[in-house]
Amino acid sequence: MEARDPIRSLHHTCQHPYFAFKEEADASWRDYQETGLHLTGEEVLDWLETWGTDHETPALACHT
């Protein structure tokens, strides 16, 4: 059996999409804690429902 290179394994693990998502989620959470700026889930869903319609609205502005 071939030995695994721990550096190569670590590099491969860090590139996994989960880690990029988690880093982005953590950064978003820190930003929210510092600023209080947010959108509610309902606001986002209502906005998304306009996509592809004649009444499509621009991206929403975050609020406190």
PDB file of N, CA and C in Angstrom:
ATOM      1  N   MET A   1       0.835  -1.176   0.000  1.00  0.00           N
ATOM      2  CA  MET A   1       0.000   0.000   0.000  1.00  0.00           C
ATOM      3  C   MET A   1       0.885   1.246   0.000  1.00  0.00           C
ATOM      4  N   GLU A   2       0.535   2.218  -0.810  1.00  0.00           N
ATOM      5  CA  GLU A   2       1.321   3.446  -0.938  1.00  0.00           C
ATOM      6  C   GLU A   2       0.979   4.417   0.191  1.00  0.00           C
ATOM      7  N   ALA A   3       2.002   5.019   0.780  1.00  0.00           N
ATOM      8  CA  ALA A   3       1.788   5.989   1.863  1.00  0.00           C
ATOM      9  C   ALA A   3       1.217   7.277   1.285  1.00  0.00           C
ATOM     10  N   ARG A   4       0.316   7.902   2.048  1.00  0.00           N
ATOM     11  CA  ARG A   4      -0.276   9.178   1.625  1.00  0.00           C
ATOM     12  C   ARG A   4       0.635  10.323   2.025  1.00  0.00           C
ATOM     13  N   ASP A   5       0.755  11.265   1.141  1.00  0.00           N
ATOM     14  CA  ASP A   5       1.531  12.472   1.404  1.00  0.00           C
ATOM     15  C   ASP A   5       0.635  13.426   2.203  1.00  0.00           C
ATOM     16  N   PRO A   6       0.969  13.701   3.483  1.00  0.00           N
ATOM     17  CA  PRO A   6       0.088  14.543   4.294  1.00  0.00           C
ATOM     18  C   PRO A   6      -0.066  15.963   3.756  1.00  0.00           C
ATOM     19  N   ILE A   7       0.953  16.509   3.127  1.00  0.00           N
ATOM     20  CA  ILE A   7       0.857  17.858   2.564  1.00  0.00           C
ATOM     21  C   ILE A   7      -0.112  17.861   1.388  1.00  0.00           C
ATOM     22  N   ARG A   8      -0.004  16.887   0.522  1.00  0.00           N
ATOM     23  CA  ARG A   8      -0.912  16.792  -0.620  1.00  0.00           C
ATOM     24  C   ARG A   8      -2.334  16.578  -0.152  1.00  0.00           C
ATOM     25  N   SER A   9      -2.540  15.745   0.863  1.00  0.00           N
ATOM     26  CA  SER A   9      -3.878  15.495   1.392  1.00  0.00           C
ATOM     27  C   SER A   9      -4.467  16.769   1.984  1.00  0.00           C
ATOM     28  N   LEU A  10      -3.661  17.528   2.722  1.00  0.00           N
ATOM     29  CA  LEU A  10      -4.125  18.779   3.321  1.00  0.00           C
ATOM     30  C   LEU A  10      -4.498  19.766   2.221  1.00  0.00           C
ATOM     31  N   HIS A  11      -3.661  19.879   1.198  1.00  0.00           N
ATOM     32  CA  HIS A  11      -3.939  20.789   0.088  1.00  0.00           C
ATOM     33  C   HIS A  11      -5.256  20.417  -0.581  1.00  0.00           C
ATOM     34  N   HIS A  12      -5.467  19.137  -0.825  1.00  0.00           N
ATOM     35  CA  HIS A  12      -6.698  18.673  -1.470  1.00  0.00           C
ATOM     36  C   HIS A  12      -7.907  18.981  -0.592  1.00  0.00           C
ATOM     37  N   THR A  13      -7.790  18.763   0.707  1.00  0.00           N
ATOM     38  CA  THR A  13      -8.897  19.005   1.628  1.00  0.00           C
ATOM     39  C   THR A  13      -9.256  20.484   1.664  1.00  0.00           C
ATOM     40  N   CYS A  14      -8.274  21.359   1.710  1.00  0.00           N
ATOM     41  CA  CYS A  14      -8.529  22.804   1.798  1.00  0.00           C
ATOM     42  C   CYS A  14      -9.191  23.337   0.536  1.00  0.00           C
ATOM     43  N   GLN A  15      -9.044  22.653  -0.564  1.00  0.00           N
ATOM     44  CA  GLN A  15      -9.642  23.110  -1.811  1.00  0.00           C
ATOM     45  C   GLN A  15     -11.067  22.604  -1.963  1.00  0.00           C
ATOM     46  N   HIS A  16     -11.542  21.780  -1.059  1.00  0.00           N
ATOM     47  CA  HIS A  16     -12.880  21.217  -1.142  1.00  0.00           C
ATOM     48  C   HIS A  16     -13.904  22.349  -1.062  1.00  0.00           C
ATOM     49  N   PRO A  17     -14.963  22.312  -1.885  1.00  0.00           N
ATOM     50  CA  PRO A  17     -15.971  23.384  -1.881  1.00  0.00           C
ATOM     51  C   PRO A  17     -16.576  23.653  -0.505  1.00  0.00           C
ATOM     52  N   TYR A  18     -16.671  22.637   0.341  1.00  0.00           N
ATOM     53  CA  TYR A  18     -17.227  22.843   1.680  1.00  0.00           C
ATOM     54  C   TYR A  18     -16.437  23.897   2.445  1.00  0.00           C
ATOM     55  N   PHE A  19     -15.111  23.846   2.350  1.00  0.00           N
ATOM     56  CA  PHE A  19     -14.284  24.780   3.105  1.00  0.00           C
ATOM     57  C   PHE A  19     -14.434  26.201   2.570  1.00  0.00           C
ATOM     58  N   ALA A  20     -14.560  26.364   1.266  1.00  0.00           N
ATOM     59  CA  ALA A  20     -14.785  27.698   0.693  1.00  0.00           C
ATOM     60  C   ALA A  20     -16.131  28.229   1.152  1.00  0.00           C
ATOM     61  N   PHE A  21     -17.164  27.377   1.152  1.00  0.00           N
ATOM     62  CA  PHE A  21     -18.489  27.790   1.608  1.00  0.00           C
ATOM     63  C   PHE A  21     -18.450  28.184   3.073  1.00  0.00           C
ATOM     64  N   LYS A  22     -17.788  27.376   3.899  1.00  0.00           N
ATOM     65  CA  LYS A  22     -17.726  27.666   5.328  1.00  0.00           C
ATOM     66  C   LYS A  22     -16.992  28.969   5.594  1.00  0.00           C
ATOM     67  N   GLU A  23     -15.902  29.212   4.891  1.00  0.00           N
ATOM     68  CA  GLU A  23     -15.168  30.469   5.058  1.00  0.00           C
ATOM     69  C   GLU A  23     -16.054  31.659   4.699  1.00  0.00           C
ATOM     70  N   GLU A  24     -16.791  31.545   3.601  1.00  0.00           N
ATOM     71  CA  GLU A  24     -17.680  32.637   3.188  1.00  0.00           C
ATOM     72  C   GLU A  24     -18.811  32.828   4.195  1.00  0.00           C
ATOM     73  N   ALA A  25     -19.371  31.737   4.691  1.00  0.00           N
ATOM     74  CA  ALA A  25     -20.441  31.830   5.695  1.00  0.00           C
ATOM     75  C   ALA A  25     -19.926  32.470   6.982  1.00  0.00           C
ATOM     76  N   ASP A  26     -18.746  32.076   7.423  1.00  0.00           N
ATOM     77  CA  ASP A  26     -18.161  32.672   8.636  1.00  0.00           C
ATOM     78  C   ASP A  26     -17.923  34.168   8.452  1.00  0.00           C
ATOM     79  N   ALA A  27     -17.417  34.557   7.282  1.00  0.00           N
ATOM     80  CA  ALA A  27     -17.176  35.978   7.010  1.00  0.00           C
ATOM     81  C   ALA A  27     -18.490  36.751   6.984  1.00  0.00           C
ATOM     82  N   SER A  28     -19.525  36.170   6.417  1.00  0.00           N
ATOM     83  CA  SER A  28     -20.840  36.819   6.384  1.00  0.00           C
ATOM     84  C   SER A  28     -21.398  36.993   7.785  1.00  0.00           C
ATOM     85  N   TRP A  29     -21.247  35.979   8.623  1.00  0.00           N
ATOM     86  CA  TRP A  29     -21.731  36.045  10.001  1.00  0.00           C
ATOM     87  C   TRP A  29     -20.994  37.147  10.776  1.00  0.00           C
ATOM     88  N   ARG A  30     -19.680  37.217  10.612  1.00  0.00           N
ATOM     89  CA  ARG A  30     -18.908  38.276  11.288  1.00  0.00           C
ATOM     90  C   ARG A  30     -19.360  39.659  10.817  1.00  0.00           C
ATOM     91  N   ASP A  31     -19.582  39.810   9.512  1.00  0.00           N
ATOM     92  CA  ASP A  31     -20.031  41.085   8.973  1.00  0.00           C
ATOM     93  C   ASP A  31     -21.394  41.459   9.556  1.00  0.00           C
ATOM     94  N   TYR A  32     -22.303  40.506   9.621  1.00  0.00           N
ATOM     95  CA  TYR A  32     -23.623  40.774  10.198  1.00  0.00           C
ATOM     96  C   TYR A  32     -23.495  41.190  11.661  1.00  0.00           C
ATOM     97  N   GLN A  33     -22.653  40.494  12.414  1.00  0.00           N
ATOM     98  CA  GLN A  33     -22.479  40.832  13.831  1.00  0.00           C
ATOM     99  C   GLN A  33     -21.926  42.249  14.004  1.00  0.00           C
ATOM    100  N   GLU A  34     -21.058  42.675  13.087  1.00  0.00           N
ATOM    101  CA  GLU A  34     -20.460  44.007  13.180  1.00  0.00           C
ATOM    102  C   GLU A  34     -21.395  45.109  12.708  1.00  0.00           C
ATOM    103  N   THR A  35     -22.192  44.850  11.668  1.00  0.00           N
ATOM    104  CA  THR A  35     -22.991  45.910  11.045  1.00  0.00           C
ATOM    105  C   THR A  35     -24.489  45.794  11.297  1.00  0.00           C
ATOM    106  N   GLY A  36     -24.982  44.594  11.519  1.00  0.00           N
ATOM    107  CA  GLY A  36     -26.419  44.382  11.654  1.00  0.00           C
ATOM    108  C   GLY A  36     -27.154  44.375  10.324  1.00  0.00           C
ATOM    109  N   LEU A  37     -26.427  44.587   9.218  1.00  0.00           N
ATOM    110  CA  LEU A  37     -27.063  44.595   7.902  1.00  0.00           C
ATOM    111  C   LEU A  37     -27.464  43.180   7.500  1.00  0.00           C
ATOM    112  N   HIS A  38     -28.681  43.054   6.945  1.00  0.00           N
ATOM    113  CA  HIS A  38     -29.185  41.736   6.585  1.00  0.00           C
ATOM    114  C   HIS A  38     -30.372  41.854   5.627  1.00  0.00           C
ATOM    115  N   LEU A  39     -30.801  40.735   5.117  1.00  0.00           N
ATOM    116  CA  LEU A  39     -32.067  40.556   4.421  1.00  0.00           C
ATOM    117  C   LEU A  39     -32.742  39.367   5.069  1.00  0.00           C
ATOM    118  N   THR A  40     -34.057  39.392   5.157  1.00  0.00           N
ATOM    119  CA  THR A  40     -34.754  38.231   5.702  1.00  0.00           C
ATOM    120  C   THR A  40     -34.921  37.192   4.601  1.00  0.00           C
ATOM    121  N   GLY A  41     -35.142  35.969   5.003  1.00  0.00           N
ATOM    122  CA  GLY A  41     -35.400  34.913   4.029  1.00  0.00           C
ATOM    123  C   GLY A  41     -36.617  35.230   3.182  1.00  0.00           C
ATOM    124  N   GLU A  42     -37.646  35.773   3.803  1.00  0.00           N
ATOM    125  CA  GLU A  42     -38.872  36.114   3.070  1.00  0.00           C
ATOM    126  C   GLU A  42     -38.598  37.195   2.019  1.00  0.00           C
ATOM    127  N   GLU A  43     -37.789  38.197   2.379  1.00  0.00           N
ATOM    128  CA  GLU A  43     -37.430  39.247   1.414  1.00  0.00           C
ATOM    129  C   GLU A  43     -36.698  38.654   0.214  1.00  0.00           C
ATOM    130  N   VAL A  44     -35.774  37.766   0.475  1.00  0.00           N
ATOM    131  CA  VAL A  44     -34.997  37.153  -0.609  1.00  0.00           C
ATOM    132  C   VAL A  44     -35.900  36.294  -1.489  1.00  0.00           C
ATOM    133  N   LEU A  45     -36.766  35.489  -0.874  1.00  0.00           N
ATOM    134  CA  LEU A  45     -37.664  34.643  -1.660  1.00  0.00           C
ATOM    135  C   LEU A  45     -38.612  35.477  -2.515  1.00  0.00           C
ATOM    136  N   ASP A  46     -39.166  36.549  -1.945  1.00  0.00           N
ATOM    137  CA  ASP A  46     -40.049  37.432  -2.723  1.00  0.00           C
ATOM    138  C   ASP A  46     -39.303  38.020  -3.910  1.00  0.00           C
ATOM    139  N   TRP A  47     -38.049  38.441  -3.691  1.00  0.00           N
ATOM    140  CA  TRP A  47     -37.234  38.998  -4.769  1.00  0.00           C
ATOM    141  C   TRP A  47     -36.947  37.941  -5.835  1.00  0.00           C
ATOM    142  N   LEU A  48     -36.580  36.741  -5.403  1.00  0.00           N
ATOM    143  CA  LEU A  48     -36.264  35.678  -6.362  1.00  0.00           C
ATOM    144  C   LEU A  48     -37.469  35.320  -7.223  1.00  0.00           C
ATOM    145  N   GLU A  49     -38.659  35.435  -6.665  1.00  0.00           N
ATOM    146  CA  GLU A  49     -39.868  35.111  -7.437  1.00  0.00           C
ATOM    147  C   GLU A  49     -40.089  36.072  -8.593  1.00  0.00           C
ATOM    148  N   THR A  50     -39.434  37.237  -8.571  1.00  0.00           N
ATOM    149  CA  THR A  50     -39.574  38.187  -9.683  1.00  0.00           C
ATOM    150  C   THR A  50     -38.641  37.865 -10.839  1.00  0.00           C
ATOM    151  N   TRP A  51     -37.648  37.027 -10.615  1.00  0.00           N
ATOM    152  CA  TRP A  51     -36.677  36.695 -11.664  1.00  0.00           C
ATOM    153  C   TRP A  51     -37.382  36.075 -12.861  1.00  0.00           C
ATOM    154  N   GLY A  52     -37.029  36.534 -14.031  1.00  0.00           N
ATOM    155  CA  GLY A  52     -37.562  35.957 -15.257  1.00  0.00           C
ATOM    156  C   GLY A  52     -38.979  36.401 -15.558  1.00  0.00           C
ATOM    157  N   THR A  53     -39.510  37.367 -14.807  1.00  0.00           N
ATOM    158  CA  THR A  53     -40.849  37.876 -15.066  1.00  0.00           C
ATOM    159  C   THR A  53     -40.752  39.284 -15.652  1.00  0.00           C
ATOM    160  N   ASP A  54     -41.879  39.797 -16.082  1.00  0.00           N
ATOM    161  CA  ASP A  54     -41.930  41.171 -16.579  1.00  0.00           C
ATOM    162  C   ASP A  54     -41.766  42.183 -15.453  1.00  0.00           C
ATOM    163  N   HIS A  55     -41.840  41.723 -14.217  1.00  0.00           N
ATOM    164  CA  HIS A  55     -41.754  42.597 -13.040  1.00  0.00           C
ATOM    165  C   HIS A  55     -40.513  42.330 -12.219  1.00  0.00           C
ATOM    166  N   GLU A  56     -39.448  41.869 -12.905  1.00  0.00           N
ATOM    167  CA  GLU A  56     -38.193  41.562 -12.191  1.00  0.00           C
ATOM    168  C   GLU A  56     -37.653  42.823 -11.518  1.00  0.00           C
ATOM    169  N   THR A  57     -37.272  42.663 -10.253  1.00  0.00           N
ATOM    170  CA  THR A  57     -36.791  43.822  -9.486  1.00  0.00           C
ATOM    171  C   THR A  57     -35.281  43.728  -9.311  1.00  0.00           C
ATOM    172  N   PRO A  58     -34.626  44.865  -9.095  1.00  0.00           N
ATOM    173  CA  PRO A  58     -33.172  44.851  -8.873  1.00  0.00           C
ATOM    174  C   PRO A  58     -32.835  44.222  -7.510  1.00  0.00           C
ATOM    175  N   ALA A  59     -31.582  43.925  -7.339  1.00  0.00           N
ATOM    176  CA  ALA A  59     -31.112  43.339  -6.070  1.00  0.00           C
ATOM    177  C   ALA A  59     -31.521  44.237  -4.911  1.00  0.00           C
ATOM    178  N   LEU A  60     -31.856  43.607  -3.813  1.00  0.00           N
ATOM    179  CA  LEU A  60     -32.286  44.323  -2.628  1.00  0.00           C
ATOM    180  C   LEU A  60     -31.095  44.911  -1.870  1.00  0.00           C
ATOM    181  N   ALA A  61     -31.336  45.998  -1.189  1.00  0.00           N
ATOM    182  CA  ALA A  61     -30.318  46.593  -0.328  1.00  0.00           C
ATOM    183  C   ALA A  61     -30.484  46.021   1.072  1.00  0.00           C
ATOM    184  N   CYS A  62     -29.393  45.665   1.689  1.00  0.00           N
ATOM    185  CA  CYS A  62     -29.454  45.165   3.063  1.00  0.00           C
ATOM    186  C   CYS A  62     -29.880  46.291   4.000  1.00  0.00           C
ATOM    187  N   HIS A  63     -30.473  45.923   5.120  1.00  0.00           N
ATOM    188  CA  HIS A  63     -30.942  46.906   6.102  1.00  0.00           C
ATOM    189  C   HIS A  63     -30.670  46.394   7.502  1.00  0.00           C
ATOM    190  N   THR A  64     -30.861  47.280   8.485  1.00  0.00           N
ATOM    191  CA  THR A  64     -30.683  46.878   9.886  1.00  0.00           C
ATOM    192  C   THR A  64     -32.026  46.577  10.509  1.00  0.00           C
TER     193      THR A  64
END
